[in-house]
Amino acid sequence: MFQSLIDTLFGCSHRRTTFPLTPARRNGGPALSGTQRNGTYVTCLDCGKEFAYDWKAMRVGEPVGHRVATVTTQPSFH
């Protein structure tokens, strides 16, 4: 809660964003979990936070949930 208050007072204003991006699926296949987004989004160029974008209203919306990076490790033999 305290961090939320600090971010509200001194956080990024998200004024500089990318052009709205809408990822396309390749070959019409199913979306891969964690690697593909649904819908249009913009990214803040200052802090990197991603927000949903509404083309009809031409407005930036709510923050998009964090992507979870998946890492596969190979066993190491010494």
N, C-alpha and C. Protein backbone atom coordinates (compact mmCIF):
# COMPACT_ATOMS: atom_id res chain seq x y z
N MET A 1 0.83 -1.19 0.00
CA MET A 1 0.00 0.00 0.00
C MET A 1 0.87 1.25 0.00
N PHE A 2 1.94 1.24 0.81
CA PHE A 2 2.83 2.39 0.87
C PHE A 2 3.50 2.62 -0.48
N GLN A 3 3.94 1.53 -1.13
CA GLN A 3 4.59 1.66 -2.45
C GLN A 3 3.61 2.23 -3.47
N SER A 4 2.35 1.84 -3.38
CA SER A 4 1.33 2.36 -4.28
C SER A 4 1.17 3.87 -4.12
N LEU A 5 1.21 4.34 -2.89
CA LEU A 5 1.11 5.77 -2.62
C LEU A 5 2.31 6.51 -3.17
N ILE A 6 3.51 5.97 -2.97
CA ILE A 6 4.73 6.59 -3.50
C ILE A 6 4.69 6.64 -5.03
N ASP A 7 4.25 5.53 -5.66
CA ASP A 7 4.15 5.50 -7.12
C ASP A 7 3.14 6.53 -7.63
N THR A 8 2.06 6.71 -6.90
CA THR A 8 1.06 7.69 -7.30
C THR A 8 1.62 9.10 -7.24
N LEU A 9 2.39 9.39 -6.20
CA LEU A 9 2.93 10.74 -6.03
C LEU A 9 4.13 11.02 -6.93
N PHE A 10 5.05 10.04 -7.05
CA PHE A 10 6.31 10.30 -7.73
C PHE A 10 6.60 9.36 -8.89
N GLY A 11 5.66 8.49 -9.24
CA GLY A 11 5.89 7.49 -10.27
C GLY A 11 5.88 8.06 -11.68
N CYS A 12 6.03 7.18 -12.64
CA CYS A 12 6.06 7.55 -14.04
C CYS A 12 4.68 8.03 -14.49
N SER A 13 4.64 9.05 -15.33
CA SER A 13 3.36 9.58 -15.82
C SER A 13 2.87 8.84 -17.07
N HIS A 14 3.70 8.01 -17.66
CA HIS A 14 3.37 7.21 -18.85
C HIS A 14 2.89 8.09 -20.01
N ARG A 15 3.51 9.22 -20.21
CA ARG A 15 3.11 10.13 -21.29
C ARG A 15 3.72 9.73 -22.64
N ARG A 16 4.90 9.12 -22.63
CA ARG A 16 5.55 8.71 -23.88
C ARG A 16 5.32 7.22 -24.08
N THR A 17 4.52 6.86 -25.07
CA THR A 17 4.21 5.45 -25.32
C THR A 17 4.49 5.10 -26.77
N THR A 18 4.58 3.80 -27.02
CA THR A 18 4.75 3.31 -28.38
C THR A 18 3.44 3.46 -29.14
N PHE A 19 3.51 3.29 -30.44
CA PHE A 19 2.30 3.21 -31.25
C PHE A 19 1.57 1.93 -30.84
N PRO A 20 0.24 1.92 -30.83
CA PRO A 20 -0.48 0.71 -30.44
C PRO A 20 -0.09 -0.50 -31.29
N LEU A 21 0.20 -1.61 -30.62
CA LEU A 21 0.63 -2.85 -31.28
C LEU A 21 -0.42 -3.94 -31.09
N THR A 22 -0.72 -4.66 -32.16
CA THR A 22 -1.62 -5.80 -32.10
C THR A 22 -0.89 -6.99 -32.67
N PRO A 23 -0.43 -7.91 -31.81
CA PRO A 23 0.30 -9.08 -32.31
C PRO A 23 -0.62 -10.00 -33.10
N ALA A 24 -0.09 -10.55 -34.17
CA ALA A 24 -0.84 -11.48 -35.01
C ALA A 24 -0.38 -12.90 -34.73
N ARG A 25 -1.31 -13.82 -34.84
CA ARG A 25 -0.94 -15.23 -34.68
C ARG A 25 -0.32 -15.72 -35.97
N ARG A 26 0.66 -16.57 -35.85
CA ARG A 26 1.30 -17.14 -37.03
C ARG A 26 0.57 -18.40 -37.45
N ASN A 27 0.33 -18.54 -38.73
CA ASN A 27 -0.29 -19.73 -39.31
C ASN A 27 -1.65 -20.06 -38.71
N GLY A 28 -2.29 -19.11 -38.06
CA GLY A 28 -3.60 -19.34 -37.51
C GLY A 28 -3.65 -20.35 -36.39
N GLY A 29 -2.50 -20.70 -35.83
CA GLY A 29 -2.43 -21.70 -34.78
C GLY A 29 -2.83 -21.13 -33.43
N PRO A 30 -2.91 -21.99 -32.44
CA PRO A 30 -3.27 -21.53 -31.11
C PRO A 30 -2.16 -20.68 -30.50
N ALA A 31 -2.57 -19.79 -29.60
CA ALA A 31 -1.59 -18.93 -28.92
C ALA A 31 -0.76 -19.77 -27.96
N LEU A 32 0.51 -19.47 -27.89
CA LEU A 32 1.40 -20.14 -26.96
C LEU A 32 1.29 -19.46 -25.61
N SER A 33 1.17 -20.22 -24.56
CA SER A 33 1.00 -19.63 -23.24
C SER A 33 2.24 -18.84 -22.84
N GLY A 34 2.01 -17.60 -22.38
CA GLY A 34 3.11 -16.77 -21.88
C GLY A 34 3.90 -16.06 -22.96
N THR A 35 3.70 -16.39 -24.24
CA THR A 35 4.50 -15.75 -25.27
C THR A 35 3.66 -14.90 -26.21
N GLN A 36 2.37 -14.99 -26.15
CA GLN A 36 1.52 -14.26 -27.06
C GLN A 36 0.49 -13.44 -26.29
N ARG A 37 0.22 -12.25 -26.77
CA ARG A 37 -0.75 -11.37 -26.11
C ARG A 37 -2.08 -11.45 -26.83
N ASN A 38 -3.11 -11.05 -26.12
CA ASN A 38 -4.43 -10.92 -26.72
C ASN A 38 -4.78 -9.44 -26.73
N GLY A 39 -5.12 -8.91 -27.89
CA GLY A 39 -5.53 -7.52 -27.97
C GLY A 39 -4.39 -6.57 -28.23
N THR A 40 -4.77 -5.31 -28.36
CA THR A 40 -3.83 -4.24 -28.68
C THR A 40 -3.28 -3.64 -27.39
N TYR A 41 -2.01 -3.26 -27.42
CA TYR A 41 -1.38 -2.68 -26.23
C TYR A 41 -0.37 -1.62 -26.64
N VAL A 42 0.00 -0.77 -25.68
CA VAL A 42 1.07 0.21 -25.84
C VAL A 42 2.05 0.00 -24.69
N THR A 43 3.28 0.45 -24.89
CA THR A 43 4.31 0.33 -23.87
C THR A 43 4.86 1.70 -23.54
N CYS A 44 5.00 2.01 -22.27
CA CYS A 44 5.59 3.28 -21.84
C CYS A 44 7.08 3.25 -22.19
N LEU A 45 7.56 4.28 -22.87
CA LEU A 45 8.96 4.34 -23.28
C LEU A 45 9.89 4.72 -22.13
N ASP A 46 9.34 5.22 -21.03
CA ASP A 46 10.17 5.61 -19.90
C ASP A 46 10.37 4.47 -18.90
N CYS A 47 9.29 3.75 -18.58
CA CYS A 47 9.40 2.72 -17.54
C CYS A 47 9.19 1.30 -18.05
N GLY A 48 8.67 1.14 -19.28
CA GLY A 48 8.49 -0.19 -19.85
C GLY A 48 7.17 -0.87 -19.50
N LYS A 49 6.31 -0.22 -18.75
CA LYS A 49 5.03 -0.83 -18.36
C LYS A 49 4.11 -0.89 -19.58
N GLU A 50 3.32 -1.96 -19.67
CA GLU A 50 2.43 -2.17 -20.81
C GLU A 50 0.98 -1.93 -20.41
N PHE A 51 0.22 -1.30 -21.32
CA PHE A 51 -1.17 -0.97 -21.08
C PHE A 51 -2.02 -1.41 -22.26
N ALA A 52 -3.24 -1.85 -21.95
CA ALA A 52 -4.20 -2.18 -23.00
C ALA A 52 -4.55 -0.89 -23.75
N TYR A 53 -4.93 -1.03 -25.03
CA TYR A 53 -5.30 0.14 -25.83
C TYR A 53 -6.62 -0.12 -26.51
N ASP A 54 -7.53 0.85 -26.44
CA ASP A 54 -8.86 0.73 -27.05
C ASP A 54 -8.87 1.56 -28.33
N TRP A 55 -8.92 0.87 -29.50
CA TRP A 55 -8.90 1.56 -30.79
C TRP A 55 -10.15 2.40 -30.99
N LYS A 56 -11.29 1.93 -30.53
CA LYS A 56 -12.55 2.67 -30.75
C LYS A 56 -12.56 3.99 -30.00
N ALA A 57 -12.13 3.97 -28.75
CA ALA A 57 -12.08 5.20 -27.95
C ALA A 57 -10.76 5.94 -28.12
N MET A 58 -9.77 5.27 -28.72
CA MET A 58 -8.43 5.82 -28.89
C MET A 58 -7.85 6.29 -27.56
N ARG A 59 -7.91 5.37 -26.58
CA ARG A 59 -7.44 5.67 -25.23
C ARG A 59 -6.60 4.52 -24.69
N VAL A 60 -5.64 4.90 -23.84
CA VAL A 60 -4.84 3.91 -23.12
C VAL A 60 -5.68 3.42 -21.95
N GLY A 61 -5.68 2.11 -21.73
CA GLY A 61 -6.51 1.53 -20.67
C GLY A 61 -5.71 1.05 -19.48
N GLU A 62 -6.17 -0.03 -18.90
CA GLU A 62 -5.58 -0.61 -17.70
C GLU A 62 -4.23 -1.27 -18.00
N PRO A 63 -3.36 -1.38 -17.00
CA PRO A 63 -2.08 -2.08 -17.19
C PRO A 63 -2.32 -3.54 -17.57
N VAL A 64 -1.46 -4.04 -18.43
CA VAL A 64 -1.52 -5.44 -18.86
C VAL A 64 -0.74 -6.26 -17.85
N GLY A 65 -1.22 -7.47 -17.53
CA GLY A 65 -0.53 -8.34 -16.58
C GLY A 65 0.88 -8.64 -17.05
N HIS A 66 1.74 -8.94 -16.11
CA HIS A 66 3.14 -9.23 -16.43
C HIS A 66 3.26 -10.53 -17.17
N ARG A 67 4.14 -10.54 -18.15
CA ARG A 67 4.46 -11.79 -18.84
C ARG A 67 5.42 -12.58 -17.98
N VAL A 68 5.23 -13.85 -17.96
CA VAL A 68 6.13 -14.71 -17.22
C VAL A 68 7.11 -15.33 -18.20
N ALA A 69 8.37 -15.04 -17.99
CA ALA A 69 9.40 -15.60 -18.86
C ALA A 69 9.65 -17.05 -18.45
N THR A 70 9.63 -17.93 -19.42
CA THR A 70 9.90 -19.33 -19.11
C THR A 70 11.32 -19.65 -19.52
N VAL A 71 12.03 -20.27 -18.63
CA VAL A 71 13.41 -20.62 -18.88
C VAL A 71 13.55 -22.12 -18.71
N THR A 72 14.11 -22.75 -19.72
CA THR A 72 14.38 -24.18 -19.59
C THR A 72 15.88 -24.35 -19.40
N THR A 73 16.22 -25.14 -18.44
CA THR A 73 17.63 -25.34 -18.14
C THR A 73 18.03 -26.75 -18.56
N GLN A 74 19.24 -26.84 -18.98
CA GLN A 74 19.80 -28.13 -19.36
C GLN A 74 20.65 -28.62 -18.20
N PRO A 75 20.63 -29.92 -17.94
CA PRO A 75 21.47 -30.41 -16.85
C PRO A 75 22.94 -30.19 -17.19
N SER A 76 23.69 -29.81 -16.19
CA SER A 76 25.13 -29.61 -16.43
C SER A 76 25.90 -30.78 -15.81
N PHE A 77 26.83 -31.25 -16.53
CA PHE A 77 27.66 -32.36 -16.08
C PHE A 77 29.07 -31.85 -15.89
N HIS A 78 29.62 -32.11 -14.74
CA HIS A 78 30.99 -31.65 -14.47
C HIS A 78 31.93 -32.82 -14.40
